[in-house]
């Protein structure tokens, strides 16, 4: 009989990848550095980042500015202890490249989880209908829900 697959497989790798900016080496965050705030930031921004990157030459000027702001926020999640003056010198493409290296180093399971949560949130649901956190049958404000038969008079 085969051993059951683990429900969760965590890696606690402490090898830090680095990037060099203007001759100075900066460490990238690793999975164990990500707290709930960083994880939430990734969940919130990665879908917009992917969507805007996929627009290509059809991107509007406003979308380009939005992508720049998102890439700046994502770069701050990716790089440990980068001084603000260094961050200010980076261009949008520099930040995108840094974030790309960062995401390539994260475990695929972390990125799959972030993508799955972001896709769920984009559909307006927070969990499955069968779970305790379902949003499928949220009562209306006012405390009473009406059935179809109670609406008839």
C-alpha atoms as a PDB file:
ATOM      1  CA  UNK A   1       0.000   0.000   0.000  1.00  0.00           C
ATOM      2  CA  UNK A   2       1.398   3.390  -1.006  1.00  0.00           C
ATOM      3  CA  UNK A   3       1.968   6.073   1.604  1.00  0.00           C
ATOM      4  CA  UNK A   4      -0.726   8.769   1.535  1.00  0.00           C
ATOM      5  CA  UNK A   5       0.168  12.090  -0.064  1.00  0.00           C
ATOM      6  CA  UNK A   6       0.742  14.874   2.477  1.00  0.00           C
ATOM      7  CA  UNK A   7      -1.947  17.530   2.661  1.00  0.00           C
ATOM      8  CA  UNK A   8       0.666  20.260   2.889  1.00  0.00           C
ATOM      9  CA  UNK A   9       4.310  20.186   1.810  1.00  0.00           C
ATOM     10  CA  UNK A  10       6.284  23.187   3.137  1.00  0.00           C
ATOM     11  CA  UNK A  11       9.861  24.098   2.292  1.00  0.00           C
ATOM     12  CA  UNK A  12      11.892  26.181   4.729  1.00  0.00           C
ATOM     13  CA  UNK A  13      14.723  27.022   2.351  1.00  0.00           C
ATOM     14  CA  UNK A  14      16.828  29.917   3.639  1.00  0.00           C
ATOM     15  CA  UNK A  15      18.996  30.382   0.560  1.00  0.00           C
ATOM     16  CA  UNK A  16      18.432  33.969  -0.506  1.00  0.00           C
ATOM     17  CA  UNK A  17      18.522  34.914  -4.155  1.00  0.00           C
ATOM     18  CA  UNK A  18      19.940  38.348  -4.849  1.00  0.00           C
ATOM     19  CA  UNK A  19      19.692  41.082  -7.449  1.00  0.00           C
ATOM     20  CA  UNK A  20      22.348  43.669  -8.170  1.00  0.00           C
ATOM     21  CA  UNK A  21      21.285  47.268  -8.723  1.00  0.00           C
ATOM     22  CA  UNK A  22      23.955  49.833  -9.612  1.00  0.00           C
ATOM     23  CA  UNK A  23      26.656  47.472  -8.343  1.00  0.00           C
ATOM     24  CA  UNK A  24      25.010  46.896  -4.942  1.00  0.00           C
ATOM     25  CA  UNK A  25      23.579  43.475  -4.081  1.00  0.00           C
ATOM     26  CA  UNK A  26      20.110  43.267  -2.519  1.00  0.00           C
ATOM     27  CA  UNK A  27      18.463  40.152  -1.154  1.00  0.00           C
ATOM     28  CA  UNK A  28      15.088  39.036  -2.385  1.00  0.00           C
ATOM     29  CA  UNK A  29      12.525  37.756   0.025  1.00  0.00           C
ATOM     30  CA  UNK A  30      11.985  34.037   0.281  1.00  0.00           C
ATOM     31  CA  UNK A  31       8.809  32.172   1.093  1.00  0.00           C
ATOM     32  CA  UNK A  32       9.475  32.136   4.833  1.00  0.00           C
ATOM     33  CA  UNK A  33       9.774  35.964   4.806  1.00  0.00           C
ATOM     34  CA  UNK A  34       6.234  36.413   3.580  1.00  0.00           C
ATOM     35  CA  UNK A  35       3.890  37.438   6.349  1.00  0.00           C
ATOM     36  CA  UNK A  36       0.169  37.884   6.060  1.00  0.00           C
ATOM     37  CA  UNK A  37       0.532  41.482   4.882  1.00  0.00           C
ATOM     38  CA  UNK A  38       2.825  40.523   1.993  1.00  0.00           C
ATOM     39  CA  UNK A  39       0.655  37.544   1.133  1.00  0.00           C
ATOM     40  CA  UNK A  40      -2.441  39.767   1.078  1.00  0.00           C
ATOM     41  CA  UNK A  41      -0.621  42.306  -1.115  1.00  0.00           C
ATOM     42  CA  UNK A  42       0.297  39.578  -3.590  1.00  0.00           C
ATOM     43  CA  UNK A  43      -3.291  38.245  -3.633  1.00  0.00           C
ATOM     44  CA  UNK A  44      -4.612  41.717  -4.322  1.00  0.00           C
ATOM     45  CA  UNK A  45      -2.099  42.913  -6.913  1.00  0.00           C
ATOM     46  CA  UNK A  46      -0.938  39.883  -8.922  1.00  0.00           C
ATOM     47  CA  UNK A  47      -4.199  39.461 -10.918  1.00  0.00           C
ATOM     48  CA  UNK A  48      -4.193  43.122 -12.008  1.00  0.00           C
ATOM     49  CA  UNK A  49      -0.486  42.897 -12.781  1.00  0.00           C
ATOM     50  CA  UNK A  50      -1.024  39.845 -15.015  1.00  0.00           C
ATOM     51  CA  UNK A  51      -4.042  41.398 -16.705  1.00  0.00           C
ATOM     52  CA  UNK A  52      -2.268  44.661 -17.472  1.00  0.00           C
ATOM     53  CA  UNK A  53       0.904  42.906 -18.661  1.00  0.00           C
ATOM     54  CA  UNK A  54      -1.264  40.908 -21.066  1.00  0.00           C
ATOM     55  CA  UNK A  55      -2.653  44.042 -22.707  1.00  0.00           C
ATOM     56  CA  UNK A  56       0.543  44.620 -24.660  1.00  0.00           C
ATOM     57  CA  UNK A  57       0.416  47.410 -27.245  1.00  0.00           C
ATOM     58  CA  UNK A  58      -3.303  47.959 -26.619  1.00  0.00           C
ATOM     59  CA  UNK A  59      -2.521  49.342 -23.145  1.00  0.00           C
ATOM     60  CA  UNK A  60      -3.770  52.869 -22.528  1.00  0.00           C
ATOM     61  CA  UNK A  61      -1.647  55.560 -20.898  1.00  0.00           C
ATOM     62  CA  UNK A  62      -3.685  55.280 -17.683  1.00  0.00           C
ATOM     63  CA  UNK A  63      -3.251  51.488 -17.658  1.00  0.00           C
ATOM     64  CA  UNK A  64       0.494  51.978 -18.140  1.00  0.00           C
ATOM     65  CA  UNK A  65       0.612  54.291 -15.104  1.00  0.00           C
ATOM     66  CA  UNK A  66      -1.453  51.776 -13.115  1.00  0.00           C
ATOM     67  CA  UNK A  67       0.927  48.968 -14.101  1.00  0.00           C
ATOM     68  CA  UNK A  68       3.852  51.139 -12.986  1.00  0.00           C
ATOM     69  CA  UNK A  69       2.256  51.703  -9.575  1.00  0.00           C
ATOM     70  CA  UNK A  70       1.465  48.001  -9.187  1.00  0.00           C
ATOM     71  CA  UNK A  71       4.986  46.962 -10.197  1.00  0.00           C
ATOM     72  CA  UNK A  72       6.421  49.401  -7.633  1.00  0.00           C
ATOM     73  CA  UNK A  73       4.274  47.884  -4.870  1.00  0.00           C
ATOM     74  CA  UNK A  74       5.147  44.330  -5.943  1.00  0.00           C
ATOM     75  CA  UNK A  75       8.846  45.161  -6.055  1.00  0.00           C
ATOM     76  CA  UNK A  76       8.635  46.353  -2.444  1.00  0.00           C
ATOM     77  CA  UNK A  77       7.176  42.960  -1.511  1.00  0.00           C
ATOM     78  CA  UNK A  78       9.944  41.160  -3.405  1.00  0.00           C
ATOM     79  CA  UNK A  79      13.100  42.973  -2.241  1.00  0.00           C
ATOM     80  CA  UNK A  80      14.336  43.127   1.340  1.00  0.00           C
ATOM     81  CA  UNK A  81      15.760  46.406   2.624  1.00  0.00           C
ATOM     82  CA  UNK A  82      16.075  48.362  -0.608  1.00  0.00           C
ATOM     83  CA  UNK A  83      16.527  52.066   0.187  1.00  0.00           C
ATOM     84  CA  UNK A  84      13.820  54.386  -1.141  1.00  0.00           C
ATOM     85  CA  UNK A  85      16.328  56.344  -3.242  1.00  0.00           C
ATOM     86  CA  UNK A  86      17.313  53.137  -5.059  1.00  0.00           C
ATOM     87  CA  UNK A  87      13.657  52.206  -5.586  1.00  0.00           C
ATOM     88  CA  UNK A  88      12.994  55.689  -6.973  1.00  0.00           C
ATOM     89  CA  UNK A  89      15.730  55.242  -9.606  1.00  0.00           C
ATOM     90  CA  UNK A  90      14.237  52.007 -10.925  1.00  0.00           C
ATOM     91  CA  UNK A  91      12.135  52.064 -14.054  1.00  0.00           C
ATOM     92  CA  UNK A  92       8.921  50.119 -14.488  1.00  0.00           C
ATOM     93  CA  UNK A  93      10.645  47.439 -16.564  1.00  0.00           C
ATOM     94  CA  UNK A  94      13.372  47.085 -13.901  1.00  0.00           C
ATOM     95  CA  UNK A  95      10.691  46.458 -11.274  1.00  0.00           C
ATOM     96  CA  UNK A  96       8.869  43.955 -13.481  1.00  0.00           C
ATOM     97  CA  UNK A  97      12.121  42.034 -14.005  1.00  0.00           C
ATOM     98  CA  UNK A  98      12.838  42.011 -10.249  1.00  0.00           C
ATOM     99  CA  UNK A  99       9.326  40.773  -9.485  1.00  0.00           C
ATOM    100  CA  UNK A 100       9.654  38.089 -12.174  1.00  0.00           C
ATOM    101  CA  UNK A 101      12.839  36.754 -10.568  1.00  0.00           C
ATOM    102  CA  UNK A 102      11.144  36.845  -7.168  1.00  0.00           C
ATOM    103  CA  UNK A 103       8.115  34.858  -8.333  1.00  0.00           C
ATOM    104  CA  UNK A 104      10.274  32.312 -10.137  1.00  0.00           C
ATOM    105  CA  UNK A 105      11.999  31.594  -6.810  1.00  0.00           C
ATOM    106  CA  UNK A 106       8.774  31.135  -4.850  1.00  0.00           C
ATOM    107  CA  UNK A 107       7.469  27.630  -4.631  1.00  0.00           C
ATOM    108  CA  UNK A 108       4.994  26.850  -7.406  1.00  0.00           C
ATOM    109  CA  UNK A 109       2.445  25.893  -4.736  1.00  0.00           C
ATOM    110  CA  UNK A 110       2.595  29.412  -3.235  1.00  0.00           C
ATOM    111  CA  UNK A 111       2.003  30.997  -6.623  1.00  0.00           C
ATOM    112  CA  UNK A 112      -0.815  28.525  -7.383  1.00  0.00           C
ATOM    113  CA  UNK A 113      -2.438  29.407  -4.053  1.00  0.00           C
ATOM    114  CA  UNK A 114      -2.137  33.131  -4.729  1.00  0.00           C
ATOM    115  CA  UNK A 115      -3.619  32.674  -8.215  1.00  0.00           C
ATOM    116  CA  UNK A 116      -6.458  30.475  -6.932  1.00  0.00           C
ATOM    117  CA  UNK A 117      -7.390  32.908  -4.161  1.00  0.00           C
ATOM    118  CA  UNK A 118      -7.223  35.851  -6.547  1.00  0.00           C
ATOM    119  CA  UNK A 119      -9.425  34.042  -9.086  1.00  0.00           C
ATOM    120  CA  UNK A 120     -11.943  33.194  -6.366  1.00  0.00           C
ATOM    121  CA  UNK A 121     -12.033  36.801  -5.164  1.00  0.00           C
ATOM    122  CA  UNK A 122     -12.469  38.030  -8.744  1.00  0.00           C
ATOM    123  CA  UNK A 123     -15.629  35.912  -9.039  1.00  0.00           C
ATOM    124  CA  UNK A 124     -16.995  37.532  -5.891  1.00  0.00           C
ATOM    125  CA  UNK A 125     -16.912  34.435  -3.718  1.00  0.00           C
ATOM    126  CA  UNK A 126     -14.757  33.827  -0.711  1.00  0.00           C
ATOM    127  CA  UNK A 127     -15.259  30.087  -0.394  1.00  0.00           C
ATOM    128  CA  UNK A 128     -17.185  27.138  -1.749  1.00  0.00           C
ATOM    129  CA  UNK A 129     -20.935  26.866  -1.262  1.00  0.00           C
ATOM    130  CA  UNK A 130     -20.490  23.823   0.974  1.00  0.00           C
ATOM    131  CA  UNK A 131     -18.217  25.560   3.479  1.00  0.00           C
ATOM    132  CA  UNK A 132     -19.165  27.531   6.569  1.00  0.00           C
ATOM    133  CA  UNK A 133     -17.863  30.700   4.909  1.00  0.00           C
ATOM    134  CA  UNK A 134     -20.129  30.463   1.892  1.00  0.00           C
ATOM    135  CA  UNK A 135     -21.550  33.665   0.474  1.00  0.00           C
ATOM    136  CA  UNK A 136     -24.262  31.821  -1.445  1.00  0.00           C
ATOM    137  CA  UNK A 137     -27.135  32.432   0.963  1.00  0.00           C
ATOM    138  CA  UNK A 138     -26.273  35.622   2.771  1.00  0.00           C
ATOM    139  CA  UNK A 139     -29.349  36.994   4.573  1.00  0.00           C
ATOM    140  CA  UNK A 140     -30.577  40.406   3.554  1.00  0.00           C
ATOM    141  CA  UNK A 141     -30.141  43.397   5.817  1.00  0.00           C
ATOM    142  CA  UNK A 142     -32.961  43.874   8.216  1.00  0.00           C
ATOM    143  CA  UNK A 143     -32.684  40.415   9.693  1.00  0.00           C
ATOM    144  CA  UNK A 144     -35.511  38.683   7.802  1.00  0.00           C
ATOM    145  CA  UNK A 145     -35.147  36.859   4.559  1.00  0.00           C
ATOM    146  CA  UNK A 146     -38.180  36.411   2.376  1.00  0.00           C
ATOM    147  CA  UNK A 147     -39.082  33.221   0.641  1.00  0.00           C
ATOM    148  CA  UNK A 148     -40.744  33.245  -2.752  1.00  0.00           C
ATOM    149  CA  UNK A 149     -44.072  32.257  -1.172  1.00  0.00           C
ATOM    150  CA  UNK A 150     -44.007  35.065   1.410  1.00  0.00           C
ATOM    151  CA  UNK A 151     -43.757  37.652  -1.358  1.00  0.00           C
ATOM    152  CA  UNK A 152     -47.227  36.640  -2.640  1.00  0.00           C
ATOM    153  CA  UNK A 153     -50.247  38.334  -1.211  1.00  0.00           C
END
